[in-house]
Amino acid sequence: MTAIRSFLFNTVFFAGGLVLALLLLPCLVLPRRAMQWGLKFWAAVMMQALKLIAGLSWEVRGLENVPDRPCIFACKHQSAWETGIFYLLVDDPSYILKKELLSIPFFGWYLAKGGAIAIDRKAGASALKLMITGAQDRLARGQNVVIFPEGTRSAPGKPGTYHPGVAALYKGVDAPLVPVALNSGLFWQRRSFLKRPGRITIEFLPAVAPDQDRKAFMRELQTGIEGASNALIAEARAVYPHALPERETEPSEDTA
């Protein structure tokens, strides 16, 4: 049954996504906010399809930890699910992503129009400077910035490498930085056809205290995100028998 429901959802995800992509073409010549509204609608449709077809819903915790002003969200990255959910959780998100994604037809164009911050991972220090400048610009116009500190998806319970870009934002941008934990990889595993039924939990943690040195910040960030994510994983495995078993958890992929 899980395979059949996953097939149906994947069909809707790709075919429906193409239809939505075509419908959003006029937003390319409208104000940026129109595109953000379109991407929010896209995310809402796909999350509803995920719930109705694949039996996979979601809940959010820790909203009391979200500041009432634009901030940076440093999120655990386990699946494709969290690349869209922030459109439904916070106002006007701007994702930090690798520049290659902007060359994807429709999807990349729309992210660029919406205000995504594209980074050339091979550019070294200059990329960090451009990321900080981009984040300052987005925050100044009221957008929230979303970064995945690991840079790529990691398997549940197996942290990837936390890269220094998030520390550069923490030190270089005057905005609260909120860690975000989740357990999405138990149900929507990277590079997997299956979408397992259950409930994904995403949790906003308290903002990191300001003015720490880089090492202390990175230690607190990783410890907080990994500890909270592992707790959510353990909780879900106790409730949902179809969640990804620990024995099937694959190693995290290397990141550059």
Protein backbone atom coordinates (compact mmCIF):
# COMPACT_ATOMS: atom_id res chain seq x y z
CA MET A 1 0.00 0.00 0.00
CA THR A 2 2.82 2.45 0.82
CA ALA A 3 4.35 1.87 -2.62
CA ILE A 4 1.02 2.51 -4.38
CA ARG A 5 0.35 5.67 -2.40
CA SER A 6 3.91 6.84 -3.01
CA PHE A 7 3.50 6.26 -6.76
CA LEU A 8 0.28 8.27 -6.81
CA PHE A 9 1.82 11.11 -4.82
CA ASN A 10 4.94 11.21 -6.98
CA THR A 11 2.71 11.38 -10.06
CA VAL A 12 0.82 14.31 -8.61
CA PHE A 13 4.05 15.91 -7.40
CA PHE A 14 5.66 15.98 -10.83
CA ALA A 15 2.61 16.32 -13.10
CA GLY A 16 0.84 18.76 -10.81
CA GLY A 17 4.09 20.60 -10.29
CA LEU A 18 4.41 21.13 -14.02
CA VAL A 19 0.88 22.55 -14.21
CA LEU A 20 1.57 24.89 -11.30
CA ALA A 21 4.87 25.92 -12.84
CA LEU A 22 3.09 27.00 -16.02
CA LEU A 23 0.40 28.84 -14.09
CA LEU A 24 3.04 30.82 -12.20
CA LEU A 25 4.79 32.10 -15.34
CA PRO A 26 2.99 35.50 -15.23
CA CYS A 27 4.45 36.08 -11.75
CA LEU A 28 7.87 36.53 -13.37
CA VAL A 29 6.78 39.98 -14.59
CA LEU A 30 4.77 40.89 -11.49
CA PRO A 31 6.18 42.28 -8.21
CA ARG A 32 8.33 39.88 -6.18
CA ARG A 33 5.62 39.39 -3.57
CA ALA A 34 3.34 37.86 -6.21
CA MET A 35 5.91 35.15 -6.85
CA GLN A 36 6.24 34.48 -3.13
CA TRP A 37 2.48 34.08 -2.93
CA GLY A 38 2.63 31.64 -5.85
CA LEU A 39 5.37 29.58 -4.21
CA LYS A 40 3.37 29.51 -0.97
CA PHE A 41 0.35 28.23 -2.90
CA TRP A 42 2.54 25.60 -4.58
CA ALA A 43 3.84 24.43 -1.19
CA ALA A 44 0.33 24.32 0.28
CA VAL A 45 -0.99 22.20 -2.60
CA MET A 46 1.88 19.73 -2.37
CA MET A 47 1.65 19.41 1.42
CA GLN A 48 -2.08 18.75 1.16
CA ALA A 49 -1.48 16.14 -1.54
CA LEU A 50 1.17 14.53 0.65
CA LYS A 51 -1.34 14.25 3.48
CA LEU A 52 -4.31 13.04 1.44
CA ILE A 53 -2.49 10.65 -0.88
CA ALA A 54 0.56 9.42 1.02
CA GLY A 55 -0.88 9.75 4.52
CA LEU A 56 1.99 11.99 5.64
CA SER A 57 1.03 15.04 7.68
CA TRP A 58 3.11 17.43 9.76
CA GLU A 59 3.10 19.43 12.96
CA VAL A 60 5.10 22.40 14.14
CA ARG A 61 6.42 23.03 17.64
CA GLY A 62 8.20 25.94 19.29
CA LEU A 63 6.50 28.80 17.46
CA GLU A 64 6.91 30.80 20.66
CA ASN A 65 10.65 30.83 19.85
CA VAL A 66 10.14 32.63 16.52
CA PRO A 67 10.97 36.35 16.91
CA ASP A 68 8.47 38.98 15.80
CA ARG A 69 11.01 40.45 13.39
CA PRO A 70 12.90 39.05 10.39
CA CYS A 71 15.51 36.50 11.40
CA ILE A 72 17.72 33.64 10.22
CA PHE A 73 16.51 30.05 10.46
CA ALA A 74 19.27 27.41 10.56
CA CYS A 75 17.46 24.18 9.74
CA LYS A 76 18.35 20.50 9.88
CA HIS A 77 18.23 19.00 6.37
CA GLN A 78 17.00 15.41 5.90
CA SER A 79 14.66 15.50 2.90
CA ALA A 80 13.07 17.61 0.18
CA TRP A 81 10.15 18.34 2.51
CA GLU A 82 11.80 21.21 4.38
CA THR A 83 12.77 22.98 1.15
CA GLY A 84 9.14 24.03 0.80
CA ILE A 85 7.62 24.07 4.27
CA PHE A 86 9.01 27.46 5.30
CA TYR A 87 6.65 29.10 2.79
CA LEU A 88 3.85 27.93 5.10
CA LEU A 89 5.55 28.63 8.42
CA VAL A 90 7.11 32.10 8.16
CA ASP A 91 6.45 35.23 6.17
CA ASP A 92 8.36 35.82 2.94
CA PRO A 93 11.25 33.31 3.26
CA SER A 94 14.50 33.60 1.31
CA TYR A 95 16.45 30.36 1.00
CA ILE A 96 20.23 30.27 0.79
CA LEU A 97 21.05 27.72 -1.90
CA LYS A 98 23.72 26.68 -4.37
CA LYS A 99 23.63 28.77 -7.55
CA GLU A 100 23.23 25.70 -9.79
CA LEU A 101 19.63 25.37 -8.61
CA LEU A 102 18.69 28.67 -10.25
CA SER A 103 19.37 27.18 -13.69
CA ILE A 104 16.55 24.63 -13.29
CA PRO A 105 13.68 25.65 -15.61
CA PHE A 106 10.70 27.20 -13.83
CA PHE A 107 11.76 26.17 -10.31
CA GLY A 108 15.06 28.03 -10.40
CA TRP A 109 13.56 31.06 -12.13
CA TYR A 110 10.85 31.33 -9.49
CA LEU A 111 13.25 30.99 -6.57
CA ALA A 112 15.41 33.76 -8.03
CA LYS A 113 12.38 36.02 -8.52
CA GLY A 114 11.27 35.33 -4.96
CA GLY A 115 14.59 36.53 -3.55
CA ALA A 116 16.65 33.38 -3.00
CA ILE A 117 20.33 33.93 -2.15
CA ALA A 118 22.46 31.91 -4.55
CA ILE A 119 25.95 30.86 -3.49
CA ASP A 120 28.88 29.60 -5.55
CA ARG A 121 30.39 26.98 -3.26
CA LYS A 122 33.70 27.12 -5.13
CA ALA A 123 34.15 30.86 -4.62
CA GLY A 124 35.47 30.62 -1.04
CA ALA A 125 35.61 33.81 1.00
CA SER A 126 33.98 35.91 -1.72
CA ALA A 127 30.94 33.63 -1.59
CA LEU A 128 30.63 34.21 2.16
CA LYS A 129 30.78 37.97 1.65
CA LEU A 130 28.07 37.84 -1.01
CA MET A 131 25.94 35.62 1.23
CA ILE A 132 26.20 38.11 4.10
CA THR A 133 25.39 41.03 1.80
CA GLY A 134 22.45 39.13 0.36
CA ALA A 135 21.13 38.20 3.79
CA GLN A 136 21.43 41.81 5.01
CA ASP A 137 19.46 42.98 1.98
CA ARG A 138 16.69 40.39 2.41
CA LEU A 139 16.35 41.03 6.13
CA ALA A 140 16.23 44.80 5.57
CA ARG A 141 13.25 44.41 3.25
CA GLY A 142 11.44 42.16 5.72
CA GLN A 143 12.28 38.70 4.46
CA ASN A 144 13.28 35.80 6.70
CA VAL A 145 16.45 33.92 5.69
CA VAL A 146 16.61 30.12 5.70
CA ILE A 147 19.92 28.25 5.64
CA PHE A 148 20.71 24.53 5.85
CA PRO A 149 24.04 24.49 7.75
CA GLU A 150 24.94 20.99 6.51
CA GLY A 151 24.62 22.13 2.91
CA THR A 152 22.98 18.88 1.84
CA ARG A 153 20.64 16.24 3.20
CA SER A 154 21.83 13.90 5.93
CA ALA A 155 20.34 10.58 7.01
CA PRO A 156 18.22 10.54 10.21
CA GLY A 157 20.45 10.29 13.26
CA LYS A 158 23.64 10.88 11.27
CA PRO A 159 24.73 14.54 11.20
CA GLY A 160 26.43 15.95 8.18
CA THR A 161 29.23 18.49 8.31
CA TYR A 162 28.12 21.88 9.65
CA HIS A 163 29.75 24.42 7.35
CA PRO A 164 31.15 27.84 8.35
CA GLY A 165 28.65 29.83 6.28
CA VAL A 166 26.13 29.78 9.11
CA ALA A 167 28.76 31.17 11.50
CA ALA A 168 29.50 33.93 9.01
CA LEU A 169 25.83 34.88 9.05
CA TYR A 170 25.71 34.74 12.84
CA LYS A 171 28.70 37.08 13.15
CA GLY A 172 28.04 39.30 10.14
CA VAL A 173 24.29 39.95 10.23
CA ASP A 174 22.37 41.75 12.97
CA ALA A 175 19.42 39.36 13.31
CA PRO A 176 18.36 36.55 15.64
CA LEU A 177 19.45 33.07 14.56
CA VAL A 178 16.89 30.34 15.31
CA PRO A 179 17.94 26.65 15.10
CA VAL A 180 15.33 24.29 13.63
CA ALA A 181 15.12 20.54 14.29
CA LEU A 182 13.02 17.96 12.43
CA ASN A 183 12.57 14.26 11.63
CA SER A 184 11.41 14.44 7.99
CA GLY A 185 13.95 11.89 6.78
CA LEU A 186 12.10 9.11 8.60
CA PHE A 187 9.18 9.48 6.21
CA TRP A 188 10.55 11.19 3.08
CA GLN A 189 14.00 9.72 2.72
CA ARG A 190 16.52 11.30 0.37
CA ARG A 191 16.86 9.55 -2.99
CA SER A 192 13.89 7.31 -2.12
CA PHE A 193 10.69 6.66 -4.07
CA LEU A 194 8.72 5.84 -0.91
CA LYS A 195 6.82 8.38 1.16
CA ARG A 196 6.03 6.63 4.44
CA PRO A 197 2.77 7.48 6.26
CA GLY A 198 3.00 9.24 9.59
CA ARG A 199 3.61 12.76 10.86
CA ILE A 200 6.71 14.88 10.36
CA THR A 201 7.56 17.15 13.28
CA ILE A 202 9.49 20.38 12.85
CA GLU A 203 10.57 22.30 15.95
CA PHE A 204 11.83 25.86 16.35
CA LEU A 205 14.41 26.04 19.13
CA PRO A 206 15.32 29.13 21.19
CA ALA A 207 17.46 31.64 19.34
CA VAL A 208 21.19 31.27 19.86
CA ALA A 209 22.61 33.75 22.35
CA PRO A 210 24.41 36.63 20.60
CA ASP A 211 28.10 37.55 20.73
CA GLN A 212 29.59 34.08 21.13
CA ASP A 213 32.86 33.22 19.43
CA ARG A 214 32.61 31.05 16.31
CA LYS A 215 33.62 27.78 17.95
CA ALA A 216 31.18 28.18 20.82
CA PHE A 217 28.42 29.14 18.41
CA MET A 218 29.01 26.18 16.09
CA ARG A 219 29.15 23.81 19.04
CA GLU A 220 25.89 25.12 20.50
CA LEU A 221 24.15 25.13 17.12
CA GLN A 222 25.08 21.57 16.18
CA THR A 223 24.47 20.17 19.66
CA GLY A 224 21.07 21.83 19.86
CA ILE A 225 19.86 20.84 16.39
CA GLU A 226 21.16 17.28 16.52
CA GLY A 227 19.93 16.65 20.06
CA ALA A 228 16.42 17.94 19.33
CA SER A 229 16.26 16.14 15.96
CA ASN A 230 17.32 12.85 17.53
CA ALA A 231 14.62 13.26 20.19
CA LEU A 232 12.01 13.80 17.47
CA ILE A 233 13.30 10.76 15.60
CA ALA A 234 13.04 8.55 18.69
CA GLU A 235 9.55 9.84 19.41
CA ALA A 236 8.35 9.15 15.87
CA ARG A 237 9.84 5.65 15.73
CA ALA A 238 7.93 4.77 18.90
CA VAL A 239 4.62 5.89 17.38
CA TYR A 240 4.87 5.08 13.65
CA PRO A 241 5.90 1.51 12.77
CA HIS A 242 6.32 2.45 9.11
CA ALA A 243 8.93 5.13 9.82
CA LEU A 244 12.40 4.42 8.42
CA PRO A 245 13.91 1.66 10.63
CA GLU A 246 17.28 2.44 12.17
CA ARG A 247 18.86 -0.52 10.38
CA GLU A 248 17.94 1.04 7.03
CA THR A 249 19.47 4.42 7.76
CA GLU A 250 22.11 5.12 5.16
CA PRO A 251 25.38 6.97 5.79
CA SER A 252 25.34 10.70 5.29
CA GLU A 253 26.78 11.86 2.01
CA ASP A 254 29.98 13.88 1.98
CA THR A 255 29.64 17.60 1.51
CA ALA A 256 31.99 20.06 -0.05
